[in-house]
Amino acid sequence: MIGIIGAMRIEVETIRSRMEQTQKRIIGGMEFVSGTLRGKPVVTLVCGVGKVSAAMGAQAMILAYAPDCIINSGVGGSLHPDLRIGDLAVAEQLVQHDMDTTPLGDPPGYLYGPDCVYLKTDPAVTAALEAAAAAVSDVRCLRGTIASGDQFIADPEKKRRITETFSDVIACEMEGASIAQVCVCNGVPFGVVRAASDCADGSGHMDYAEFLPVAADCASRLIDAFVTSY
């Protein structure tokens, strides 16, 4: 079974519309919809925005459905000049950019438990996501670090701080690294992909609303291609 998690309904509803034999289940106030997609068993969740909601959803999905892998898909802000609005970012690793225990002598982003800064995605899942991105022929795909935090980044200074603090950062969002942490702790293979909906700078409030539907559709097409081939 493949688990698919998105923060917002627009990021998941296209996938759900293509599913067959669906069943709904409420766990912890969150609605899980399972069924088949392209003949393969999947379970989907709209977890809500932010790291806590995402972590709760990922843990509940693992305990209730025992997925073979989890994909976190959706939209995010571009932190790389080569990642244009509508392009795809596939994570090789994730970091929680707002995790800060540096006064204790830890490096920025250090996570207790996993005892690391960067959470590595599963190589096989990531390769399959990249191959699926190639099937979405009208967009480019960039592979690197995705940074997560409980902030909508729309400030050039915050954007600069993230890219200068962490290695090879290409995009930012608000859920992926917390889902990654849950998956790492549970030993579940995972991957994270984002379609760029804005530039994470002062123009974000203008770009986001306009390009969100386009980016969400792009991400859903990638997930459809992933499920077909994985």
C-alpha atoms as a PDB file:
ATOM      1  CA  MET A   1       0.000   0.000   0.000  1.00  0.00           C
ATOM      2  CA  ILE A   2       1.146   3.514  -0.859  1.00  0.00           C
ATOM      3  CA  GLY A   3       0.333   6.326   1.582  1.00  0.00           C
ATOM      4  CA  ILE A   4      -0.233   9.787   0.108  1.00  0.00           C
ATOM      5  CA  ILE A   5      -0.335  12.837   2.378  1.00  0.00           C
ATOM      6  CA  GLY A   6      -1.079  16.426   1.394  1.00  0.00           C
ATOM      7  CA  ALA A   7      -1.629  19.438   3.616  1.00  0.00           C
ATOM      8  CA  MET A   8      -4.572  20.931   1.722  1.00  0.00           C
ATOM      9  CA  ARG A   9      -7.577  19.429  -0.008  1.00  0.00           C
ATOM     10  CA  ILE A  10      -6.556  20.920  -3.359  1.00  0.00           C
ATOM     11  CA  GLU A  11      -3.327  18.882  -3.120  1.00  0.00           C
ATOM     12  CA  VAL A  12      -5.182  15.555  -2.691  1.00  0.00           C
ATOM     13  CA  GLU A  13      -8.622  15.910  -4.260  1.00  0.00           C
ATOM     14  CA  THR A  14      -7.489  15.111  -7.823  1.00  0.00           C
ATOM     15  CA  ILE A  15      -5.899  11.862  -6.656  1.00  0.00           C
ATOM     16  CA  ARG A  16      -9.023  10.950  -4.710  1.00  0.00           C
ATOM     17  CA  SER A  17     -11.222  11.630  -7.741  1.00  0.00           C
ATOM     18  CA  ARG A  18      -9.321   8.943  -9.646  1.00  0.00           C
ATOM     19  CA  MET A  19      -9.505   6.314  -6.893  1.00  0.00           C
ATOM     20  CA  GLU A  20     -11.838   3.318  -6.970  1.00  0.00           C
ATOM     21  CA  GLN A  21     -13.391   1.149  -4.242  1.00  0.00           C
ATOM     22  CA  THR A  22     -12.922   3.944  -1.733  1.00  0.00           C
ATOM     23  CA  GLN A  23     -13.538   3.696   1.985  1.00  0.00           C
ATOM     24  CA  LYS A  24     -13.446   6.509   4.544  1.00  0.00           C
ATOM     25  CA  ARG A  25     -12.218   6.311   8.109  1.00  0.00           C
ATOM     26  CA  ILE A  26     -11.876   9.035  10.744  1.00  0.00           C
ATOM     27  CA  ILE A  27      -8.878   8.780  13.061  1.00  0.00           C
ATOM     28  CA  GLY A  28      -8.011  11.549  15.482  1.00  0.00           C
ATOM     29  CA  GLY A  29     -10.379  13.898  13.682  1.00  0.00           C
ATOM     30  CA  MET A  30      -8.646  13.287  10.337  1.00  0.00           C
ATOM     31  CA  GLU A  31     -10.343  11.646   7.350  1.00  0.00           C
ATOM     32  CA  PHE A  32      -8.416   8.859   5.664  1.00  0.00           C
ATOM     33  CA  VAL A  33      -9.657   7.663   2.264  1.00  0.00           C
ATOM     34  CA  SER A  34      -8.332   4.303   1.069  1.00  0.00           C
ATOM     35  CA  GLY A  35      -8.961   2.435  -2.161  1.00  0.00           C
ATOM     36  CA  THR A  36      -7.171   1.657  -5.389  1.00  0.00           C
ATOM     37  CA  LEU A  37      -5.427   3.905  -7.877  1.00  0.00           C
ATOM     38  CA  ARG A  38      -4.300   2.426 -11.180  1.00  0.00           C
ATOM     39  CA  GLY A  39      -5.164  -0.939  -9.640  1.00  0.00           C
ATOM     40  CA  LYS A  40      -2.842  -0.437  -6.651  1.00  0.00           C
ATOM     41  CA  PRO A  41      -3.879  -0.019  -3.012  1.00  0.00           C
ATOM     42  CA  VAL A  42      -3.457   3.515  -1.692  1.00  0.00           C
ATOM     43  CA  VAL A  43      -4.515   5.529   1.328  1.00  0.00           C
ATOM     44  CA  THR A  44      -4.763   9.310   1.242  1.00  0.00           C
ATOM     45  CA  LEU A  45      -4.906  12.006   3.889  1.00  0.00           C
ATOM     46  CA  VAL A  46      -5.441  15.759   3.968  1.00  0.00           C
ATOM     47  CA  CYS A  47      -3.457  16.374   7.139  1.00  0.00           C
ATOM     48  CA  GLY A  48      -3.774  20.146   7.512  1.00  0.00           C
ATOM     49  CA  VAL A  49      -1.090  22.811   7.382  1.00  0.00           C
ATOM     50  CA  GLY A  50       1.935  22.688   9.673  1.00  0.00           C
ATOM     51  CA  LYS A  51       4.387  20.233  11.169  1.00  0.00           C
ATOM     52  CA  VAL A  52       2.292  19.025  14.111  1.00  0.00           C
ATOM     53  CA  SER A  53      -0.757  18.188  11.997  1.00  0.00           C
ATOM     54  CA  ALA A  54       1.463  16.475   9.426  1.00  0.00           C
ATOM     55  CA  ALA A  55       3.264  14.388  12.048  1.00  0.00           C
ATOM     56  CA  MET A  56      -0.027  13.360  13.670  1.00  0.00           C
ATOM     57  CA  GLY A  57      -1.395  12.283  10.311  1.00  0.00           C
ATOM     58  CA  ALA A  58       1.696  10.331   9.325  1.00  0.00           C
ATOM     59  CA  GLN A  59       1.802   8.440  12.617  1.00  0.00           C
ATOM     60  CA  ALA A  60      -1.902   7.626  12.466  1.00  0.00           C
ATOM     61  CA  MET A  61      -1.528   6.397   8.871  1.00  0.00           C
ATOM     62  CA  ILE A  62       1.366   4.142   9.804  1.00  0.00           C
ATOM     63  CA  LEU A  63      -0.432   2.619  12.793  1.00  0.00           C
ATOM     64  CA  ALA A  64      -3.778   2.141  11.030  1.00  0.00           C
ATOM     65  CA  TYR A  65      -2.689   1.158   7.498  1.00  0.00           C
ATOM     66  CA  ALA A  66       0.966   0.028   7.683  1.00  0.00           C
ATOM     67  CA  PRO A  67       1.819   1.520   4.253  1.00  0.00           C
ATOM     68  CA  ASP A  68       4.844   0.185   2.392  1.00  0.00           C
ATOM     69  CA  CYS A  69       5.865   3.773   1.678  1.00  0.00           C
ATOM     70  CA  ILE A  70       4.552   7.283   2.265  1.00  0.00           C
ATOM     71  CA  ILE A  71       4.652  10.105  -0.255  1.00  0.00           C
ATOM     72  CA  ASN A  72       4.153  13.670   0.904  1.00  0.00           C
ATOM     73  CA  SER A  73       3.078  15.736  -2.067  1.00  0.00           C
ATOM     74  CA  GLY A  74       1.912  19.286  -2.541  1.00  0.00           C
ATOM     75  CA  VAL A  75       3.106  22.803  -3.205  1.00  0.00           C
ATOM     76  CA  GLY A  76       5.943  24.895  -1.817  1.00  0.00           C
ATOM     77  CA  GLY A  77       8.049  27.985  -2.274  1.00  0.00           C
ATOM     78  CA  SER A  78      11.068  28.015  -4.554  1.00  0.00           C
ATOM     79  CA  LEU A  79      14.421  28.701  -2.892  1.00  0.00           C
ATOM     80  CA  HIS A  80      16.510  28.067  -6.001  1.00  0.00           C
ATOM     81  CA  PRO A  81      16.814  30.261  -9.101  1.00  0.00           C
ATOM     82  CA  ASP A  82      16.430  27.236 -11.378  1.00  0.00           C
ATOM     83  CA  LEU A  83      13.150  26.156  -9.737  1.00  0.00           C
ATOM     84  CA  ARG A  84      10.456  28.168 -11.472  1.00  0.00           C
ATOM     85  CA  ILE A  85       6.804  28.389 -10.532  1.00  0.00           C
ATOM     86  CA  GLY A  86       5.158  25.131 -11.624  1.00  0.00           C
ATOM     87  CA  ASP A  87       8.426  23.166 -11.599  1.00  0.00           C
ATOM     88  CA  LEU A  88       8.901  20.118  -9.371  1.00  0.00           C
ATOM     89  CA  ALA A  89      11.250  19.709  -6.409  1.00  0.00           C
ATOM     90  CA  VAL A  90      12.076  16.137  -5.356  1.00  0.00           C
ATOM     91  CA  ALA A  91      13.700  15.817  -1.943  1.00  0.00           C
ATOM     92  CA  GLU A  92      16.923  13.913  -1.394  1.00  0.00           C
ATOM     93  CA  GLN A  93      16.778  15.037   2.213  1.00  0.00           C
ATOM     94  CA  LEU A  94      14.734  17.288   4.463  1.00  0.00           C
ATOM     95  CA  VAL A  95      15.512  19.710   7.254  1.00  0.00           C
ATOM     96  CA  GLN A  96      13.395  21.529   9.832  1.00  0.00           C
ATOM     97  CA  HIS A  97      14.665  25.063   9.331  1.00  0.00           C
ATOM     98  CA  ASP A  98      12.865  26.426  12.404  1.00  0.00           C
ATOM     99  CA  MET A  99      14.298  23.835  14.817  1.00  0.00           C
ATOM    100  CA  ASP A 100      16.899  25.712  16.853  1.00  0.00           C
ATOM    101  CA  THR A 101      18.754  24.454  19.916  1.00  0.00           C
ATOM    102  CA  THR A 102      21.969  26.240  18.980  1.00  0.00           C
ATOM    103  CA  PRO A 103      22.255  27.786  22.500  1.00  0.00           C
ATOM    104  CA  LEU A 104      22.873  24.210  23.705  1.00  0.00           C
ATOM    105  CA  GLY A 105      25.716  23.771  21.239  1.00  0.00           C
ATOM    106  CA  ASP A 106      23.728  21.936  18.578  1.00  0.00           C
ATOM    107  CA  PRO A 107      23.900  22.811  14.867  1.00  0.00           C
ATOM    108  CA  PRO A 108      20.860  24.587  13.373  1.00  0.00           C
ATOM    109  CA  GLY A 109      18.072  22.145  12.557  1.00  0.00           C
ATOM    110  CA  TYR A 110      19.367  19.391  14.852  1.00  0.00           C
ATOM    111  CA  LEU A 111      16.680  16.846  15.783  1.00  0.00           C
ATOM    112  CA  TYR A 112      16.773  14.875  18.996  1.00  0.00           C
ATOM    113  CA  GLY A 113      15.629  11.278  18.497  1.00  0.00           C
ATOM    114  CA  PRO A 114      16.893  10.808  14.976  1.00  0.00           C
ATOM    115  CA  ASP A 115      20.026  12.671  16.178  1.00  0.00           C
ATOM    116  CA  CYS A 116      20.637  14.401  12.873  1.00  0.00           C
ATOM    117  CA  VAL A 117      19.994  17.606  10.963  1.00  0.00           C
ATOM    118  CA  TYR A 118      19.083  16.104   7.594  1.00  0.00           C
ATOM    119  CA  LEU A 119      16.492  13.350   7.136  1.00  0.00           C
ATOM    120  CA  LYS A 120      17.342  11.265   4.070  1.00  0.00           C
ATOM    121  CA  THR A 121      14.572  10.087   1.791  1.00  0.00           C
ATOM    122  CA  ASP A 122      14.413   6.480   0.616  1.00  0.00           C
ATOM    123  CA  PRO A 123      16.664   6.140  -2.476  1.00  0.00           C
ATOM    124  CA  ALA A 124      14.310   3.809  -4.367  1.00  0.00           C
ATOM    125  CA  VAL A 125      11.236   5.947  -3.676  1.00  0.00           C
ATOM    126  CA  THR A 126      13.101   9.123  -4.593  1.00  0.00           C
ATOM    127  CA  ALA A 127      14.377   7.619  -7.850  1.00  0.00           C
ATOM    128  CA  ALA A 128      10.835   6.538  -8.723  1.00  0.00           C
ATOM    129  CA  LEU A 129       9.520  10.044  -7.986  1.00  0.00           C
ATOM    130  CA  GLU A 130      12.201  11.558 -10.199  1.00  0.00           C
ATOM    131  CA  ALA A 131      11.334   9.136 -12.993  1.00  0.00           C
ATOM    132  CA  ALA A 132       7.652   9.997 -12.587  1.00  0.00           C
ATOM    133  CA  ALA A 133       8.547  13.689 -12.772  1.00  0.00           C
ATOM    134  CA  ALA A 134      10.174  13.033 -16.134  1.00  0.00           C
ATOM    135  CA  ALA A 135       6.817  11.685 -17.313  1.00  0.00           C
ATOM    136  CA  VAL A 136       5.252  15.070 -16.529  1.00  0.00           C
ATOM    137  CA  SER A 137       6.957  16.385 -19.612  1.00  0.00           C
ATOM    138  CA  ASP A 138       5.941  20.042 -19.493  1.00  0.00           C
ATOM    139  CA  VAL A 139       7.844  20.858 -16.279  1.00  0.00           C
ATOM    140  CA  ARG A 140      11.411  20.645 -15.078  1.00  0.00           C
ATOM    141  CA  CYS A 141      12.480  18.730 -11.976  1.00  0.00           C
ATOM    142  CA  LEU A 142      15.136  19.694  -9.450  1.00  0.00           C
ATOM    143  CA  ARG A 143      16.498  17.350  -6.786  1.00  0.00           C
ATOM    144  CA  GLY A 144      17.956  18.516  -3.474  1.00  0.00           C
ATOM    145  CA  THR A 145      17.073  19.560   0.086  1.00  0.00           C
ATOM    146  CA  ILE A 146      13.568  20.666   1.029  1.00  0.00           C
ATOM    147  CA  ALA A 147      13.262  22.792   4.175  1.00  0.00           C
ATOM    148  CA  SER A 148      10.177  22.672   6.406  1.00  0.00           C
ATOM    149  CA  GLY A 149       8.987  25.016   9.127  1.00  0.00           C
ATOM    150  CA  ASP A 150       5.856  26.444  10.684  1.00  0.00           C
ATOM    151  CA  GLN A 151       6.159  29.625   8.639  1.00  0.00           C
ATOM    152  CA  PHE A 152       4.957  30.678   5.210  1.00  0.00           C
ATOM    153  CA  ILE A 153       8.194  32.089   3.829  1.00  0.00           C
ATOM    154  CA  ALA A 154       7.491  35.366   2.023  1.00  0.00           C
ATOM    155  CA  ASP A 155      10.475  37.468   3.037  1.00  0.00           C
ATOM    156  CA  PRO A 156      13.768  37.726   1.120  1.00  0.00           C
ATOM    157  CA  GLU A 157      15.753  37.833   4.369  1.00  0.00           C
ATOM    158  CA  LYS A 158      14.171  34.629   5.708  1.00  0.00           C
ATOM    159  CA  LYS A 159      14.729  33.004   2.333  1.00  0.00           C
ATOM    160  CA  ARG A 160      18.406  34.009   2.418  1.00  0.00           C
ATOM    161  CA  ARG A 161      18.841  32.698   5.967  1.00  0.00           C
ATOM    162  CA  ILE A 162      17.497  29.254   5.043  1.00  0.00           C
ATOM    163  CA  THR A 163      19.587  28.903   1.892  1.00  0.00           C
ATOM    164  CA  GLU A 164      22.769  30.082   3.629  1.00  0.00           C
ATOM    165  CA  THR A 165      22.274  27.942   6.747  1.00  0.00           C
ATOM    166  CA  PHE A 166      21.418  24.621   5.147  1.00  0.00           C
ATOM    167  CA  SER A 167      22.949  22.604   2.329  1.00  0.00           C
ATOM    168  CA  ASP A 168      21.575  22.506  -1.242  1.00  0.00           C
ATOM    169  CA  VAL A 169      18.110  23.835  -0.334  1.00  0.00           C
ATOM    170  CA  ILE A 170      15.786  24.114  -3.316  1.00  0.00           C
ATOM    171  CA  ALA A 171      12.320  24.591  -1.774  1.00  0.00           C
ATOM    172  CA  CYS A 172      10.479  25.354   1.445  1.00  0.00           C
ATOM    173  CA  GLU A 173       7.130  24.251   2.832  1.00  0.00           C
ATOM    174  CA  MET A 174       5.468  23.413   6.155  1.00  0.00           C
ATOM    175  CA  GLU A 175       5.064  19.620   6.498  1.00  0.00           C
ATOM    176  CA  GLY A 176       7.617  17.416   4.723  1.00  0.00           C
ATOM    177  CA  ALA A 177      10.382  17.217   7.320  1.00  0.00           C
ATOM    178  CA  SER A 178       7.974  16.337  10.133  1.00  0.00           C
ATOM    179  CA  ILE A 179       6.502  13.511   8.045  1.00  0.00           C
ATOM    180  CA  ALA A 180      10.071  12.481   7.260  1.00  0.00           C
ATOM    181  CA  GLN A 181      10.923  12.367  10.969  1.00  0.00           C
ATOM    182  CA  VAL A 182       7.914  10.151  11.717  1.00  0.00           C
ATOM    183  CA  CYS A 183       8.805   7.825   8.842  1.00  0.00           C
ATOM    184  CA  VAL A 184      12.463   7.588   9.892  1.00  0.00           C
ATOM    185  CA  CYS A 185      11.482   6.758  13.478  1.00  0.00           C
ATOM    186  CA  ASN A 186       9.042   4.073  12.265  1.00  0.00           C
ATOM    187  CA  GLY A 187      11.302   2.630   9.576  1.00  0.00           C
ATOM    188  CA  VAL A 188       8.875   3.461   6.756  1.00  0.00           C
ATOM    189  CA  PRO A 189      10.318   4.345   3.326  1.00  0.00           C
ATOM    190  CA  PHE A 190       9.212   7.795   2.205  1.00  0.00           C
ATOM    191  CA  GLY A 191       9.583  10.491  -0.400  1.00  0.00           C
ATOM    192  CA  VAL A 192       8.663  14.167  -0.588  1.00  0.00           C
ATOM    193  CA  VAL A 193       7.835  16.189  -3.688  1.00  0.00           C
ATOM    194  CA  ARG A 194       6.732  19.789  -4.120  1.00  0.00           C
ATOM    195  CA  ALA A 195       5.512  21.826  -7.078  1.00  0.00           C
ATOM    196  CA  ALA A 196       6.634  25.438  -6.781  1.00  0.00           C
ATOM    197  CA  SER A 197       3.663  27.755  -6.264  1.00  0.00           C
ATOM    198  CA  ASP A 198       5.574  30.926  -5.371  1.00  0.00           C
ATOM    199  CA  CYS A 199       9.076  32.365  -5.026  1.00  0.00           C
ATOM    200  CA  ALA A 200       9.153  32.590  -1.198  1.00  0.00           C
ATOM    201  CA  ASP A 201       9.911  36.299  -1.316  1.00  0.00           C
ATOM    202  CA  GLY A 202       7.943  39.513  -1.138  1.00  0.00           C
ATOM    203  CA  SER A 203       5.853  38.547  -4.167  1.00  0.00           C
ATOM    204  CA  GLY A 204       4.605  35.361  -2.484  1.00  0.00           C
ATOM    205  CA  HIS A 205       1.194  36.777  -1.529  1.00  0.00           C
ATOM    206  CA  MET A 206       0.575  37.614  -5.188  1.00  0.00           C
ATOM    207  CA  ASP A 207       2.015  34.466  -6.784  1.00  0.00           C
ATOM    208  CA  TYR A 208       0.568  31.917  -4.365  1.00  0.00           C
ATOM    209  CA  ALA A 209      -3.162  32.330  -4.976  1.00  0.00           C
ATOM    210  CA  GLU A 210      -2.683  32.524  -8.737  1.00  0.00           C
ATOM    211  CA  PHE A 211      -0.402  29.532  -9.165  1.00  0.00           C
ATOM    212  CA  LEU A 212      -1.605  27.225  -6.373  1.00  0.00           C
ATOM    213  CA  PRO A 213      -4.112  25.335  -8.586  1.00  0.00           C
ATOM    214  CA  VAL A 214      -1.513  24.940 -11.359  1.00  0.00           C
ATOM    215  CA  ALA A 215       1.153  23.677  -8.968  1.00  0.00           C
ATOM    216  CA  ALA A 216      -1.258  21.344  -7.164  1.00  0.00           C
ATOM    217  CA  ASP A 217      -2.342  19.820 -10.493  1.00  0.00           C
ATOM    218  CA  CYS A 218       1.300  19.303 -11.455  1.00  0.00           C
ATOM    219  CA  ALA A 219       2.018  17.514  -8.167  1.00  0.00           C
ATOM    220  CA  SER A 220      -1.045  15.290  -8.557  1.00  0.00           C
ATOM    221  CA  ARG A 221       0.011  14.266 -12.075  1.00  0.00           C
ATOM    222  CA  LEU A 222       3.402  13.268 -10.726  1.00  0.00           C
ATOM    223  CA  ILE A 223       1.812  11.148  -7.989  1.00  0.00           C
ATOM    224  CA  ASP A 224      -0.406   9.457 -10.558  1.00  0.00           C
ATOM    225  CA  ALA A 225       2.678   8.603 -12.635  1.00  0.00           C
ATOM    226  CA  PHE A 226       4.509   7.395  -9.515  1.00  0.00           C
ATOM    227  CA  VAL A 227       1.708   5.058  -8.464  1.00  0.00           C
ATOM    228  CA  THR A 228       1.481   3.680 -11.992  1.00  0.00           C
ATOM    229  CA  SER A 229       5.149   2.745 -12.158  1.00  0.00           C
ATOM    230  CA  TYR A 230       6.177   2.056  -8.542  1.00  0.00           C
END
